[in-house]
């Protein structure tokens, strides 16, 4: 699921990407889903700013 917040300094969309493997039910994804950015940080695929 993608939730938008408008655009930022460089006119790029600001969004939250929430996902839950093997689930297509929106209410379940909202309730139990994971934020993609948080998962990326936890797995050290990116450094916090």
N, C-alpha and C. Protein backbone atom coordinates (compact mmCIF):
# COMPACT_ATOMS: atom_id res chain seq x y z
N UNK A 1 0.85 -1.14 0.00
CA UNK A 1 0.00 0.00 0.00
C UNK A 1 0.90 1.22 0.00
N UNK A 2 0.52 2.24 -0.73
CA UNK A 2 1.29 3.47 -0.80
C UNK A 2 0.42 4.61 -0.29
N UNK A 3 0.95 5.36 0.66
CA UNK A 3 0.24 6.50 1.24
C UNK A 3 1.06 7.75 0.91
N UNK A 4 0.47 8.71 0.20
CA UNK A 4 1.19 9.90 -0.22
C UNK A 4 0.95 11.07 0.73
N UNK A 5 1.96 11.94 0.79
CA UNK A 5 1.90 13.13 1.65
C UNK A 5 2.13 14.41 0.87
N UNK A 6 2.12 14.37 -0.45
CA UNK A 6 2.41 15.55 -1.25
C UNK A 6 3.80 15.46 -1.83
N UNK A 7 4.42 16.62 -2.06
CA UNK A 7 5.76 16.62 -2.64
C UNK A 7 6.72 17.38 -1.74
N UNK A 8 7.99 17.05 -1.89
CA UNK A 8 9.02 17.63 -1.06
C UNK A 8 9.76 18.77 -1.74
N UNK A 9 10.92 19.06 -1.22
CA UNK A 9 11.75 20.18 -1.66
C UNK A 9 12.04 20.15 -3.16
N UNK A 10 12.28 18.98 -3.70
CA UNK A 10 12.63 18.85 -5.11
C UNK A 10 11.46 18.35 -5.95
N UNK A 11 10.25 18.56 -5.47
CA UNK A 11 9.02 18.18 -6.18
C UNK A 11 8.87 16.68 -6.36
N UNK A 12 9.45 15.90 -5.46
CA UNK A 12 9.29 14.44 -5.48
C UNK A 12 8.20 14.08 -4.49
N UNK A 13 7.46 13.03 -4.80
CA UNK A 13 6.41 12.58 -3.90
C UNK A 13 6.98 12.10 -2.58
N UNK A 14 6.30 12.43 -1.48
CA UNK A 14 6.64 11.91 -0.16
C UNK A 14 5.63 10.82 0.15
N UNK A 15 6.10 9.61 0.37
CA UNK A 15 5.19 8.47 0.54
C UNK A 15 5.66 7.53 1.64
N UNK A 16 4.72 6.78 2.17
CA UNK A 16 5.00 5.62 3.01
C UNK A 16 4.60 4.40 2.20
N UNK A 17 5.48 3.41 2.15
CA UNK A 17 5.17 2.14 1.50
C UNK A 17 5.01 1.11 2.62
N UNK A 18 3.81 0.57 2.74
CA UNK A 18 3.50 -0.41 3.78
C UNK A 18 3.19 -1.73 3.08
N UNK A 19 3.79 -2.81 3.57
CA UNK A 19 3.58 -4.10 2.91
C UNK A 19 3.45 -5.21 3.94
N UNK A 20 2.86 -6.29 3.51
CA UNK A 20 2.75 -7.50 4.31
C UNK A 20 2.77 -8.65 3.33
N UNK A 21 3.82 -9.47 3.42
CA UNK A 21 3.96 -10.58 2.47
C UNK A 21 2.74 -11.49 2.51
N UNK A 22 2.33 -11.93 1.34
CA UNK A 22 1.23 -12.88 1.16
C UNK A 22 -0.12 -12.35 1.62
N UNK A 23 -0.30 -11.04 1.66
CA UNK A 23 -1.60 -10.48 2.03
C UNK A 23 -2.00 -9.41 1.03
N UNK A 24 -3.23 -9.50 0.55
CA UNK A 24 -3.77 -8.50 -0.35
C UNK A 24 -4.92 -7.74 0.30
N UNK A 25 -5.27 -8.11 1.53
CA UNK A 25 -6.36 -7.46 2.24
C UNK A 25 -5.85 -6.14 2.84
N UNK A 26 -6.42 -5.02 2.40
CA UNK A 26 -5.95 -3.70 2.80
C UNK A 26 -6.00 -3.51 4.31
N UNK A 27 -7.08 -3.90 4.96
CA UNK A 27 -7.19 -3.69 6.40
C UNK A 27 -6.14 -4.50 7.17
N UNK A 28 -5.81 -5.69 6.69
CA UNK A 28 -4.78 -6.50 7.32
C UNK A 28 -3.40 -5.86 7.13
N UNK A 29 -3.15 -5.34 5.94
CA UNK A 29 -1.87 -4.68 5.66
C UNK A 29 -1.73 -3.45 6.55
N UNK A 30 -2.80 -2.67 6.70
CA UNK A 30 -2.75 -1.49 7.56
C UNK A 30 -2.48 -1.88 9.00
N UNK A 31 -3.13 -2.92 9.47
CA UNK A 31 -3.02 -3.34 10.87
C UNK A 31 -1.68 -4.01 11.19
N UNK A 32 -1.20 -4.86 10.29
CA UNK A 32 -0.03 -5.69 10.61
C UNK A 32 1.17 -5.45 9.70
N UNK A 33 1.03 -4.53 8.75
CA UNK A 33 2.08 -4.33 7.75
C UNK A 33 3.34 -3.69 8.28
N UNK A 34 4.37 -3.74 7.46
CA UNK A 34 5.68 -3.19 7.78
C UNK A 34 5.96 -1.99 6.88
N UNK A 35 6.65 -0.99 7.43
CA UNK A 35 7.06 0.16 6.64
C UNK A 35 8.36 -0.20 5.91
N UNK A 36 8.34 -0.07 4.60
CA UNK A 36 9.49 -0.46 3.79
C UNK A 36 10.77 0.25 4.24
N UNK A 37 10.71 1.55 4.50
CA UNK A 37 11.92 2.27 4.90
C UNK A 37 12.50 1.71 6.19
N UNK A 38 11.65 1.34 7.14
CA UNK A 38 12.13 0.79 8.41
C UNK A 38 12.83 -0.56 8.19
N UNK A 39 12.26 -1.38 7.34
CA UNK A 39 12.87 -2.68 7.03
C UNK A 39 14.24 -2.48 6.38
N UNK A 40 14.33 -1.53 5.46
CA UNK A 40 15.61 -1.23 4.79
C UNK A 40 16.66 -0.81 5.81
N UNK A 41 16.28 0.03 6.77
CA UNK A 41 17.23 0.46 7.81
C UNK A 41 17.62 -0.69 8.72
N UNK A 42 16.66 -1.51 9.12
CA UNK A 42 16.94 -2.63 10.02
C UNK A 42 17.89 -3.65 9.40
N UNK A 43 17.80 -3.81 8.09
CA UNK A 43 18.66 -4.77 7.40
C UNK A 43 19.98 -4.14 6.94
N UNK A 44 20.20 -2.89 7.34
CA UNK A 44 21.43 -2.14 7.01
C UNK A 44 21.65 -1.98 5.51
N UNK A 45 20.55 -1.87 4.76
CA UNK A 45 20.66 -1.59 3.33
C UNK A 45 20.79 -0.09 3.09
N UNK A 46 20.60 0.72 4.15
CA UNK A 46 20.72 2.17 4.08
C UNK A 46 21.15 2.68 5.45
N UNK A 47 21.68 3.89 5.47
CA UNK A 47 22.07 4.52 6.72
C UNK A 47 21.06 5.61 7.05
N UNK A 48 20.71 5.76 8.33
CA UNK A 48 19.79 6.83 8.71
C UNK A 48 20.45 8.19 8.46
N UNK A 49 19.64 9.15 8.14
CA UNK A 49 20.17 10.50 7.87
C UNK A 49 20.34 11.26 9.15
